Amino acid sequence: MDELKALAGGGLVLPTPAYIFGLILFGLIGFAAYRYGKRTARQKVRWIGVALMLYPYAISGTAMLYVVGFALCLGLYVWRD
């Protein structure tokens, strides 16, 4: 337990379960979108899939993770055709 306190004192904290769930959820959606965009030669869908897979590594807040993820999924829905 002292190790966790030392890490938290150094600015390193463990992600919440909600963050990990969002990371996995949007990563899987992104992977499926990338595969679909590649198979059907839709560049916008492919790049939104890449963005869905990679953006969680740049965002540390759980609320922002879900806001950006839902916005990208909305873009994926709009540009699916």
Protein backbone atom coordinates (compact mmCIF):
# COMPACT_ATOMS: atom_id res chain seq x y z
CA MET A 1 0.00 0.00 0.00
CA ASP A 2 2.92 2.33 0.63
CA GLU A 3 4.05 1.86 -2.97
CA LEU A 4 0.71 3.17 -4.25
CA LYS A 5 0.97 6.23 -2.01
CA ALA A 6 4.51 6.85 -3.23
CA LEU A 7 3.40 6.59 -6.86
CA ALA A 8 0.46 8.93 -6.21
CA GLY A 9 2.83 11.39 -4.57
CA GLY A 10 4.96 11.31 -7.72
CA GLY A 11 1.95 12.09 -9.91
CA LEU A 12 1.28 8.55 -11.12
CA VAL A 13 -2.21 7.21 -10.43
CA LEU A 14 -3.94 4.06 -11.57
CA PRO A 15 -6.81 4.48 -14.03
CA THR A 16 -10.36 3.92 -12.82
CA PRO A 17 -12.35 0.88 -13.95
CA ALA A 18 -14.62 3.21 -15.97
CA TYR A 19 -11.57 4.52 -17.84
CA ILE A 20 -10.31 1.01 -18.59
CA PHE A 21 -13.79 -0.03 -19.79
CA GLY A 22 -13.95 3.02 -22.09
CA LEU A 23 -10.47 2.31 -23.40
CA ILE A 24 -11.42 -1.25 -24.32
CA LEU A 25 -14.84 -0.28 -25.69
CA PHE A 26 -13.63 2.50 -27.98
CA GLY A 27 -10.58 0.48 -28.98
CA LEU A 28 -12.79 -2.39 -30.16
CA ILE A 29 -15.15 -0.05 -31.99
CA GLY A 30 -12.14 1.62 -33.61
CA PHE A 31 -10.65 -1.68 -34.66
CA ALA A 32 -13.96 -2.78 -36.21
CA ALA A 33 -14.30 0.57 -38.00
CA TYR A 34 -10.74 0.35 -39.31
CA ARG A 35 -11.33 -3.14 -40.67
CA TYR A 36 -14.63 -2.11 -42.25
CA GLY A 37 -13.09 1.00 -43.80
CA LYS A 38 -10.18 -0.97 -45.16
CA ARG A 39 -12.40 -3.69 -46.61
CA THR A 40 -14.78 -1.23 -48.28
CA ALA A 41 -12.12 1.38 -49.22
CA ARG A 42 -13.76 4.17 -47.17
CA GLN A 43 -10.93 6.43 -46.04
CA LYS A 44 -12.96 8.51 -43.53
CA VAL A 45 -14.19 5.41 -41.73
CA ARG A 46 -10.68 3.98 -41.66
CA TRP A 47 -9.16 7.14 -40.16
CA ILE A 48 -11.92 7.53 -37.59
CA GLY A 49 -11.20 3.93 -36.60
CA VAL A 50 -7.53 4.75 -36.16
CA ALA A 51 -8.46 7.81 -34.09
CA LEU A 52 -10.77 5.72 -31.89
CA MET A 53 -7.97 3.25 -31.23
CA LEU A 54 -5.29 5.84 -30.45
CA TYR A 55 -6.90 8.86 -28.78
CA PRO A 56 -7.26 7.27 -25.29
CA TYR A 57 -3.48 7.34 -24.95
CA ALA A 58 -3.54 11.16 -25.16
CA ILE A 59 -6.46 11.73 -22.76
CA SER A 60 -6.21 11.09 -19.04
CA GLY A 61 -9.66 12.15 -17.81
CA THR A 62 -12.50 9.63 -17.80
CA ALA A 63 -15.21 12.15 -18.69
CA MET A 64 -13.18 13.52 -21.61
CA LEU A 65 -12.50 9.96 -22.78
CA TYR A 66 -16.22 9.32 -23.12
CA VAL A 67 -17.02 12.73 -24.65
CA VAL A 68 -14.41 12.37 -27.38
CA GLY A 69 -15.25 8.69 -27.90
CA PHE A 70 -18.95 9.37 -28.38
CA ALA A 71 -18.14 12.29 -30.71
CA LEU A 72 -15.93 10.05 -32.84
CA CYS A 73 -18.60 7.33 -32.86
CA LEU A 74 -21.14 9.94 -33.97
CA GLY A 75 -18.77 10.91 -36.78
CA LEU A 76 -18.43 7.26 -37.67
CA TYR A 77 -22.22 6.96 -37.85
CA VAL A 78 -22.54 10.08 -40.01
CA TRP A 79 -19.78 9.10 -42.47
CA ARG A 80 -20.48 5.38 -42.70
CA ASP A 81 -21.69 5.72 -46.30
